[in-house]
Amino acid sequence: MLKFSDFKLDKCGDGLLPVIVQDAATLRVLMLGYMNAEAFDKTVAEQRVTFFSRTRQKLWTKGETSGNFLDVNEMYPDCDMDTLLIKATPHGPTCHRGTESCFDTPASDGFMRTLAGVIAKRHEQMPDNSYTTSLFIKGPKRIAKKVGEETTEAIIEAVTGRRDRFIYETADLIYHYLVLLEQMGVTIEDLESELKYRHS
């Protein structure tokens, strides 16, 4: 298990660990903060991001006043062991301005990962009155059939040259394909790994 003492902070004058927080679903960079040993240990124990405030000189759990917590999914040290990357699930806006990120990058980055995350939650919780739940109940054959139907509809719109309809039908196709991926226990990262392997 990763420990605060594993990090090499001799280059950091204040002895604090820089921490980059990234949305686990969209991969969008959300913010930068700093941790001391106590903040790091609290984050690990509670699986909710806690920083050390350099201005107030005390711990602060992100979202403790706003409710916009950052739940930890994964933690990665960098190659020099002097910076930490946390992939987190945000509960509401991360920035004090009320925006999703403290960095003004496009908000649409990686939305398919967000959608894949929603589908995974539907599969886990199986809520009533959910179309996604109904697909999982009907099983892989029905989901695969829907993928086939949506593929055909997208092809028809491509052949006829109707761009708007092609976008609409392709969105349907991608949604149903993400459901099929979830049904098969396959992630977008699995597909990316395969594509990277082929590219190399």
Protein backbone atom coordinates (compact mmCIF):
# COMPACT_ATOMS: atom_id res chain seq x y z
CA MET A 1 0.00 0.00 0.00
CA LEU A 2 1.23 3.49 -0.89
CA LYS A 3 2.40 5.51 2.12
CA PHE A 4 3.25 9.20 2.52
CA SER A 5 6.78 8.23 3.56
CA ASP A 6 7.26 6.66 0.11
CA PHE A 7 7.32 10.11 -1.49
CA LYS A 8 10.53 12.08 -1.98
CA LEU A 9 9.71 15.63 -1.00
CA ASP A 10 13.21 17.03 -0.54
CA LYS A 11 12.63 19.26 -3.61
CA CYS A 12 9.48 20.71 -2.01
CA GLY A 13 10.53 23.46 0.35
CA ASP A 14 7.41 23.20 2.50
CA GLY A 15 7.46 19.38 2.59
CA LEU A 16 3.97 19.21 1.07
CA LEU A 17 2.98 16.74 -1.63
CA PRO A 18 1.45 18.26 -4.81
CA VAL A 19 -1.74 16.39 -5.73
CA ILE A 20 -3.48 16.50 -9.11
CA VAL A 21 -7.14 15.42 -9.06
CA GLN A 22 -8.66 13.98 -12.22
CA ASP A 23 -12.26 12.97 -12.90
CA ALA A 24 -12.20 9.16 -12.99
CA ALA A 25 -14.98 9.02 -15.59
CA THR A 26 -14.16 11.87 -17.98
CA LEU A 27 -10.39 12.06 -17.26
CA ARG A 28 -10.72 15.83 -17.03
CA VAL A 29 -8.20 17.49 -14.68
CA LEU A 30 -10.21 19.04 -11.86
CA MET A 31 -7.77 20.77 -9.53
CA LEU A 32 -4.37 20.90 -7.85
CA GLY A 33 -3.94 20.75 -4.08
CA TYR A 34 -1.35 19.81 -1.46
CA MET A 35 -1.15 17.16 1.25
CA ASN A 36 0.87 16.63 4.37
CA ALA A 37 1.14 13.19 5.98
CA GLU A 38 -2.06 13.69 8.00
CA ALA A 39 -4.09 14.76 4.96
CA PHE A 40 -2.73 11.83 2.96
CA ASP A 41 -3.59 9.31 5.68
CA LYS A 42 -7.10 10.78 6.09
CA THR A 43 -7.65 10.56 2.33
CA VAL A 44 -6.57 6.91 2.27
CA ALA A 45 -8.64 6.00 5.33
CA GLU A 46 -11.85 7.73 4.24
CA GLN A 47 -11.42 7.38 0.46
CA ARG A 48 -12.40 11.04 0.19
CA VAL A 49 -9.87 13.71 -0.80
CA THR A 50 -8.49 15.82 2.04
CA PHE A 51 -5.85 18.52 1.49
CA PHE A 52 -3.63 20.65 3.69
CA SER A 53 -4.44 24.34 3.22
CA ARG A 54 -1.27 26.38 2.88
CA THR A 55 -3.13 29.63 3.58
CA ARG A 56 -5.08 28.44 6.62
CA GLN A 57 -2.41 25.97 7.78
CA LYS A 58 -4.91 23.23 8.51
CA LEU A 59 -6.58 20.19 6.96
CA TRP A 60 -9.62 20.64 4.74
CA THR A 61 -11.69 17.93 3.15
CA LYS A 62 -12.77 19.08 -0.29
CA GLY A 63 -16.55 19.62 -0.10
CA GLU A 64 -16.80 19.85 3.68
CA THR A 65 -18.80 23.08 3.38
CA SER A 66 -20.27 22.79 -0.13
CA GLY A 67 -21.01 19.07 -0.17
CA ASN A 68 -19.02 18.78 -3.40
CA PHE A 69 -16.82 15.94 -2.20
CA LEU A 70 -14.20 14.09 -4.24
CA ASP A 71 -14.42 10.33 -3.69
CA VAL A 72 -11.18 8.47 -4.40
CA ASN A 73 -11.13 5.81 -7.12
CA GLU A 74 -7.41 5.35 -7.70
CA MET A 75 -4.12 6.91 -6.61
CA TYR A 76 -0.90 6.99 -8.65
CA PRO A 77 2.50 8.44 -7.73
CA ASP A 78 4.54 9.94 -10.55
CA CYS A 79 7.87 8.51 -11.74
CA ASP A 80 9.91 10.74 -9.41
CA MET A 81 7.74 9.97 -6.38
CA ASP A 82 7.18 13.67 -5.71
CA THR A 83 3.64 14.17 -7.07
CA LEU A 84 0.38 12.26 -6.66
CA LEU A 85 -2.42 11.75 -9.17
CA ILE A 86 -5.85 10.94 -7.76
CA LYS A 87 -8.65 9.72 -10.01
CA ALA A 88 -11.83 10.71 -8.21
CA THR A 89 -15.59 10.83 -8.55
CA PRO A 90 -16.72 14.43 -8.00
CA HIS A 91 -20.02 15.25 -6.29
CA GLY A 92 -20.91 18.52 -7.97
CA PRO A 93 -18.60 21.32 -9.14
CA THR A 94 -14.99 21.15 -8.01
CA CYS A 95 -14.03 24.82 -8.41
CA HIS A 96 -15.12 27.55 -5.96
CA ARG A 97 -16.49 29.40 -9.03
CA GLY A 98 -19.13 26.71 -9.38
CA THR A 99 -17.47 25.19 -12.45
CA GLU A 100 -16.68 21.54 -13.01
CA SER A 101 -12.93 22.16 -13.02
CA CYS A 102 -10.49 24.81 -11.83
CA PHE A 103 -9.03 24.60 -15.35
CA ASP A 104 -11.08 25.98 -18.23
CA THR A 105 -10.66 23.01 -20.53
CA PRO A 106 -13.65 21.89 -22.63
CA ALA A 107 -16.39 20.42 -20.46
CA SER A 108 -17.16 17.72 -23.02
CA ASP A 109 -13.82 15.90 -22.65
CA GLY A 110 -14.42 12.18 -22.32
CA PHE A 111 -18.22 12.24 -21.94
CA MET A 112 -18.42 8.66 -23.13
CA ARG A 113 -16.60 7.64 -19.98
CA THR A 114 -19.20 9.52 -17.94
CA LEU A 115 -21.96 7.67 -19.78
CA ALA A 116 -20.16 4.35 -19.31
CA GLY A 117 -19.99 5.11 -15.58
CA VAL A 118 -23.74 5.81 -15.45
CA ILE A 119 -24.43 2.54 -17.27
CA ALA A 120 -22.20 0.64 -14.84
CA LYS A 121 -24.14 2.12 -11.90
CA ARG A 122 -27.43 1.10 -13.51
CA HIS A 123 -26.07 -2.42 -13.88
CA GLU A 124 -25.01 -2.50 -10.23
CA GLN A 125 -28.17 -0.95 -8.76
CA MET A 126 -30.76 -2.09 -11.34
CA PRO A 127 -33.25 0.72 -10.52
CA ASP A 128 -36.90 0.31 -11.50
CA ASN A 129 -38.32 2.21 -14.48
CA SER A 130 -34.89 2.44 -16.16
CA TYR A 131 -34.52 1.54 -19.84
CA THR A 132 -30.93 0.49 -19.17
CA THR A 133 -32.10 -1.84 -16.39
CA SER A 134 -34.64 -3.41 -18.77
CA LEU A 135 -31.86 -4.18 -21.24
CA PHE A 136 -29.75 -5.89 -18.58
CA ILE A 137 -32.77 -7.92 -17.46
CA LYS A 138 -33.36 -9.12 -21.04
CA GLY A 139 -29.74 -10.20 -21.30
CA PRO A 140 -26.91 -10.19 -23.82
CA LYS A 141 -28.91 -11.50 -26.78
CA ARG A 142 -31.39 -8.63 -26.60
CA ILE A 143 -28.63 -6.05 -26.06
CA ALA A 144 -26.66 -7.44 -29.02
CA LYS A 145 -29.80 -7.35 -31.16
CA LYS A 146 -30.29 -3.66 -30.32
CA VAL A 147 -26.67 -2.96 -31.28
CA GLY A 148 -27.35 -4.65 -34.62
CA GLU A 149 -30.54 -2.68 -35.18
CA GLU A 150 -28.89 0.64 -34.35
CA THR A 151 -25.91 -0.20 -36.59
CA THR A 152 -28.25 -0.80 -39.52
CA GLU A 153 -30.08 2.48 -38.90
CA ALA A 154 -26.78 4.41 -38.74
CA ILE A 155 -25.61 2.78 -41.99
CA ILE A 156 -28.85 3.74 -43.73
CA GLU A 157 -28.44 7.39 -42.70
CA ALA A 158 -24.79 7.35 -43.83
CA VAL A 159 -25.73 5.99 -47.24
CA THR A 160 -28.53 8.53 -47.70
CA GLY A 161 -26.18 11.32 -46.59
CA ARG A 162 -28.42 12.76 -43.87
CA ARG A 163 -25.79 14.02 -41.43
CA ASP A 164 -28.11 15.04 -38.58
CA ARG A 165 -29.93 11.70 -38.67
CA PHE A 166 -26.61 9.88 -38.88
CA ILE A 167 -25.42 11.62 -35.70
CA TYR A 168 -28.71 10.75 -33.96
CA GLU A 169 -28.61 7.08 -34.92
CA THR A 170 -24.90 6.77 -34.15
CA ALA A 171 -25.52 8.16 -30.66
CA ASP A 172 -28.13 5.42 -30.17
CA LEU A 173 -25.62 2.86 -31.44
CA ILE A 174 -22.87 4.01 -29.10
CA TYR A 175 -25.19 3.99 -26.08
CA HIS A 176 -26.33 0.42 -26.77
CA TYR A 177 -22.75 -0.64 -27.51
CA LEU A 178 -21.64 0.75 -24.12
CA VAL A 179 -24.42 -1.29 -22.51
CA LEU A 180 -23.13 -4.39 -24.32
CA LEU A 181 -19.57 -3.64 -23.16
CA GLU A 182 -20.81 -3.42 -19.56
CA GLN A 183 -22.74 -6.68 -19.99
CA MET A 184 -19.57 -8.36 -21.25
CA GLY A 185 -17.40 -6.89 -18.48
CA VAL A 186 -15.34 -4.89 -20.97
CA THR A 187 -14.27 -1.27 -20.39
CA ILE A 188 -13.32 1.57 -22.71
CA GLU A 189 -9.79 1.19 -21.34
CA ASP A 190 -9.77 -2.45 -22.52
CA LEU A 191 -10.61 -1.29 -26.05
CA GLU A 192 -7.99 1.44 -25.89
CA SER A 193 -5.35 -1.10 -24.83
CA GLU A 194 -6.22 -3.33 -27.78
CA LEU A 195 -6.08 -0.41 -30.21
CA LYS A 196 -2.76 0.77 -28.79
CA TYR A 197 -1.40 -2.76 -29.15
CA ARG A 198 -2.46 -2.90 -32.80
CA HIS A 199 -1.07 0.57 -33.47
CA SER A 200 2.32 -0.38 -32.06
